Amino acid sequence: MPLEDIEMRRQLMHEVAKRPIDYSLLDLHVVHGTVYLRGVVRKLRGYDADPAKEIEHLCRIFRQKPGIRQVVNEVTVR
C-alpha cells in the first residue's frame, strides 16, 4: 500500500472519529485515491445524530480532500 494511501486513511479516520456514531464495525480503506467505506455504523447512546446523515456528511468531506478521486459508500446503518 502506498504511503500516501496510509496517510490519507489516517486523516479520514480522524474525521470519522469526530462524528457522533459508533464506527467500531466500519472498515475504511484508501486505494490509489479511492476511498472504500464498508461495514456497519450505529447511533451512539446519548446522541440524536442520524448515522445515515453522518455517513453522507463524511462522504462529502472525503470528496473535498486533495488526492481523493472517488468515494465508494457501502455502509449499512442500524
N, C-alpha and C. Protein backbone atom coordinates (compact mmCIF):
# COMPACT_ATOMS: atom_id res chain seq x y z
N MET A 1 0.86 -1.18 0.00
CA MET A 1 0.00 0.00 0.00
C MET A 1 0.90 1.24 0.00
N PRO A 2 0.65 2.16 -0.91
CA PRO A 2 1.47 3.38 -0.96
C PRO A 2 1.34 4.20 0.33
N LEU A 3 2.42 4.89 0.67
CA LEU A 3 2.42 5.72 1.89
C LEU A 3 1.34 6.80 1.85
N GLU A 4 1.07 7.32 0.66
CA GLU A 4 0.04 8.36 0.53
C GLU A 4 -1.32 7.81 0.97
N ASP A 5 -1.62 6.57 0.58
CA ASP A 5 -2.90 5.96 0.96
C ASP A 5 -2.96 5.73 2.47
N ILE A 6 -1.86 5.31 3.06
CA ILE A 6 -1.82 5.08 4.50
C ILE A 6 -2.06 6.39 5.26
N GLU A 7 -1.40 7.44 4.83
CA GLU A 7 -1.57 8.75 5.48
C GLU A 7 -2.98 9.28 5.27
N MET A 8 -3.53 9.11 4.07
CA MET A 8 -4.89 9.57 3.80
C MET A 8 -5.89 8.81 4.67
N ARG A 9 -5.71 7.51 4.84
CA ARG A 9 -6.60 6.72 5.68
C ARG A 9 -6.55 7.24 7.12
N ARG A 10 -5.37 7.55 7.61
CA ARG A 10 -5.23 8.08 8.96
C ARG A 10 -6.01 9.39 9.11
N GLN A 11 -5.89 10.28 8.12
CA GLN A 11 -6.61 11.55 8.17
C GLN A 11 -8.12 11.34 8.12
N LEU A 12 -8.57 10.42 7.28
CA LEU A 12 -10.01 10.18 7.15
C LEU A 12 -10.58 9.53 8.41
N MET A 13 -9.83 8.63 9.02
CA MET A 13 -10.30 8.02 10.27
C MET A 13 -10.40 9.07 11.38
N HIS A 14 -9.53 10.05 11.33
CA HIS A 14 -9.62 11.16 12.29
C HIS A 14 -10.94 11.91 12.11
N GLU A 15 -11.35 12.10 10.85
CA GLU A 15 -12.64 12.75 10.57
C GLU A 15 -13.80 11.89 11.07
N VAL A 16 -13.72 10.59 10.85
CA VAL A 16 -14.78 9.67 11.29
C VAL A 16 -14.91 9.73 12.81
N ALA A 17 -13.79 9.78 13.50
CA ALA A 17 -13.81 9.77 14.97
C ALA A 17 -14.47 11.02 15.55
N LYS A 18 -14.56 12.08 14.79
CA LYS A 18 -15.21 13.31 15.25
C LYS A 18 -16.73 13.22 15.25
N ARG A 19 -17.28 12.26 14.50
CA ARG A 19 -18.73 12.17 14.32
C ARG A 19 -19.36 11.37 15.47
N PRO A 20 -20.59 11.72 15.87
CA PRO A 20 -21.26 11.02 16.98
C PRO A 20 -21.94 9.72 16.52
N ILE A 21 -21.13 8.78 16.01
CA ILE A 21 -21.64 7.48 15.57
C ILE A 21 -20.72 6.39 16.10
N ASP A 22 -21.28 5.19 16.22
CA ASP A 22 -20.48 4.02 16.60
C ASP A 22 -19.89 3.46 15.31
N TYR A 23 -18.61 3.64 15.13
CA TYR A 23 -17.94 3.21 13.90
C TYR A 23 -17.03 2.01 14.14
N SER A 24 -17.25 1.28 15.23
CA SER A 24 -16.39 0.15 15.58
C SER A 24 -16.45 -0.97 14.54
N LEU A 25 -17.52 -1.06 13.77
CA LEU A 25 -17.65 -2.08 12.73
C LEU A 25 -17.46 -1.50 11.33
N LEU A 26 -16.93 -0.30 11.25
CA LEU A 26 -16.70 0.36 9.96
C LEU A 26 -15.30 0.03 9.45
N ASP A 27 -15.22 -0.27 8.18
CA ASP A 27 -13.96 -0.58 7.53
C ASP A 27 -13.69 0.51 6.50
N LEU A 28 -12.57 1.20 6.62
CA LEU A 28 -12.22 2.29 5.71
C LEU A 28 -10.86 1.98 5.10
N HIS A 29 -10.83 1.93 3.77
CA HIS A 29 -9.57 1.70 3.04
C HIS A 29 -9.43 2.75 1.96
N VAL A 30 -8.19 3.11 1.67
CA VAL A 30 -7.89 4.02 0.56
C VAL A 30 -6.95 3.28 -0.37
N VAL A 31 -7.34 3.19 -1.65
CA VAL A 31 -6.52 2.53 -2.65
C VAL A 31 -6.39 3.47 -3.84
N HIS A 32 -5.19 3.99 -4.04
CA HIS A 32 -4.89 4.89 -5.16
C HIS A 32 -5.90 6.03 -5.27
N GLY A 33 -6.24 6.65 -4.15
CA GLY A 33 -7.12 7.80 -4.14
C GLY A 33 -8.60 7.48 -4.10
N THR A 34 -8.97 6.21 -4.07
CA THR A 34 -10.37 5.81 -3.95
C THR A 34 -10.62 5.34 -2.52
N VAL A 35 -11.63 5.93 -1.89
CA VAL A 35 -11.98 5.59 -0.51
C VAL A 35 -13.09 4.54 -0.54
N TYR A 36 -12.88 3.45 0.19
CA TYR A 36 -13.89 2.40 0.31
C TYR A 36 -14.38 2.38 1.75
N LEU A 37 -15.68 2.65 1.92
CA LEU A 37 -16.34 2.59 3.23
C LEU A 37 -17.26 1.38 3.24
N ARG A 38 -16.99 0.45 4.15
CA ARG A 38 -17.81 -0.76 4.25
C ARG A 38 -18.05 -1.06 5.72
N GLY A 39 -19.11 -1.80 5.97
CA GLY A 39 -19.38 -2.21 7.34
C GLY A 39 -20.68 -1.64 7.86
N VAL A 40 -20.74 -1.52 9.18
CA VAL A 40 -21.97 -1.12 9.87
C VAL A 40 -21.66 0.07 10.78
N VAL A 41 -22.56 1.06 10.77
CA VAL A 41 -22.49 2.15 11.76
C VAL A 41 -23.82 2.19 12.50
N ARG A 42 -23.73 2.62 13.74
CA ARG A 42 -24.92 2.71 14.58
C ARG A 42 -24.93 4.04 15.32
N LYS A 43 -26.08 4.34 15.83
CA LYS A 43 -26.26 5.54 16.64
C LYS A 43 -25.59 5.34 18.00
N LEU A 44 -24.94 6.36 18.48
CA LEU A 44 -24.36 6.31 19.81
C LEU A 44 -25.41 6.69 20.84
N ARG A 45 -25.39 6.01 21.97
CA ARG A 45 -26.32 6.37 23.04
C ARG A 45 -26.03 7.79 23.51
N GLY A 46 -27.09 8.51 23.77
CA GLY A 46 -26.95 9.86 24.28
C GLY A 46 -26.86 10.93 23.20
N TYR A 47 -26.86 10.51 21.92
CA TYR A 47 -26.80 11.46 20.81
C TYR A 47 -28.02 11.27 19.93
N ASP A 48 -28.49 12.38 19.37
CA ASP A 48 -29.65 12.33 18.47
C ASP A 48 -29.25 12.33 17.00
N ALA A 49 -27.97 12.17 16.71
CA ALA A 49 -27.49 12.22 15.34
C ALA A 49 -28.00 11.02 14.53
N ASP A 50 -28.35 11.27 13.28
CA ASP A 50 -28.78 10.23 12.36
C ASP A 50 -27.52 9.64 11.70
N PRO A 51 -27.21 8.37 11.93
CA PRO A 51 -25.99 7.79 11.37
C PRO A 51 -25.93 7.86 9.84
N ALA A 52 -27.06 7.72 9.17
CA ALA A 52 -27.07 7.79 7.70
C ALA A 52 -26.65 9.18 7.23
N LYS A 53 -27.15 10.21 7.89
CA LYS A 53 -26.78 11.58 7.52
C LYS A 53 -25.32 11.85 7.85
N GLU A 54 -24.84 11.29 8.95
CA GLU A 54 -23.43 11.46 9.31
C GLU A 54 -22.51 10.83 8.27
N ILE A 55 -22.86 9.65 7.78
CA ILE A 55 -22.05 8.99 6.75
C ILE A 55 -22.07 9.80 5.46
N GLU A 56 -23.22 10.33 5.07
CA GLU A 56 -23.30 11.16 3.87
C GLU A 56 -22.45 12.42 4.04
N HIS A 57 -22.48 13.00 5.23
CA HIS A 57 -21.66 14.18 5.51
C HIS A 57 -20.18 13.83 5.39
N LEU A 58 -19.79 12.69 5.94
CA LEU A 58 -18.39 12.25 5.84
C LEU A 58 -17.99 12.04 4.38
N CYS A 59 -18.87 11.46 3.58
CA CYS A 59 -18.55 11.25 2.16
C CYS A 59 -18.31 12.58 1.46
N ARG A 60 -19.11 13.59 1.78
CA ARG A 60 -18.90 14.93 1.18
C ARG A 60 -17.56 15.50 1.61
N ILE A 61 -17.21 15.35 2.90
CA ILE A 61 -15.91 15.83 3.38
C ILE A 61 -14.78 15.11 2.66
N PHE A 62 -14.90 13.79 2.54
CA PHE A 62 -13.85 13.00 1.90
C PHE A 62 -13.64 13.42 0.45
N ARG A 63 -14.73 13.67 -0.28
CA ARG A 63 -14.63 14.07 -1.70
C ARG A 63 -13.90 15.40 -1.88
N GLN A 64 -13.92 16.24 -0.86
CA GLN A 64 -13.28 17.55 -0.95
C GLN A 64 -11.78 17.50 -0.64
N LYS A 65 -11.32 16.38 -0.12
CA LYS A 65 -9.90 16.26 0.24
C LYS A 65 -9.05 16.14 -1.01
N PRO A 66 -7.91 16.85 -1.04
CA PRO A 66 -7.00 16.70 -2.17
C PRO A 66 -6.47 15.27 -2.24
N GLY A 67 -6.45 14.72 -3.43
CA GLY A 67 -5.94 13.37 -3.62
C GLY A 67 -7.02 12.30 -3.64
N ILE A 68 -8.24 12.66 -3.24
CA ILE A 68 -9.34 11.69 -3.27
C ILE A 68 -10.06 11.82 -4.60
N ARG A 69 -10.11 10.72 -5.33
CA ARG A 69 -10.76 10.73 -6.64
C ARG A 69 -12.20 10.24 -6.59
N GLN A 70 -12.46 9.30 -5.65
CA GLN A 70 -13.79 8.70 -5.59
C GLN A 70 -14.03 8.16 -4.19
N VAL A 71 -15.32 8.14 -3.78
CA VAL A 71 -15.71 7.55 -2.50
C VAL A 71 -16.76 6.49 -2.78
N VAL A 72 -16.49 5.25 -2.37
CA VAL A 72 -17.42 4.14 -2.53
C VAL A 72 -18.04 3.87 -1.15
N ASN A 73 -19.34 4.17 -1.04
CA ASN A 73 -20.05 4.04 0.23
C ASN A 73 -20.89 2.77 0.21
N GLU A 74 -20.46 1.76 0.96
CA GLU A 74 -21.20 0.50 1.10
C GLU A 74 -21.51 0.24 2.57
N VAL A 75 -21.90 1.30 3.28
CA VAL A 75 -22.16 1.22 4.72
C VAL A 75 -23.60 0.88 4.98
N THR A 76 -23.81 0.00 5.96
CA THR A 76 -25.14 -0.35 6.43
C THR A 76 -25.37 0.41 7.74
N VAL A 77 -26.55 1.02 7.85
CA VAL A 77 -26.89 1.78 9.05
C VAL A 77 -27.89 0.97 9.86
N ARG A 78 -27.60 0.82 11.15
CA ARG A 78 -28.51 0.10 12.04
C ARG A 78 -28.93 0.97 13.17
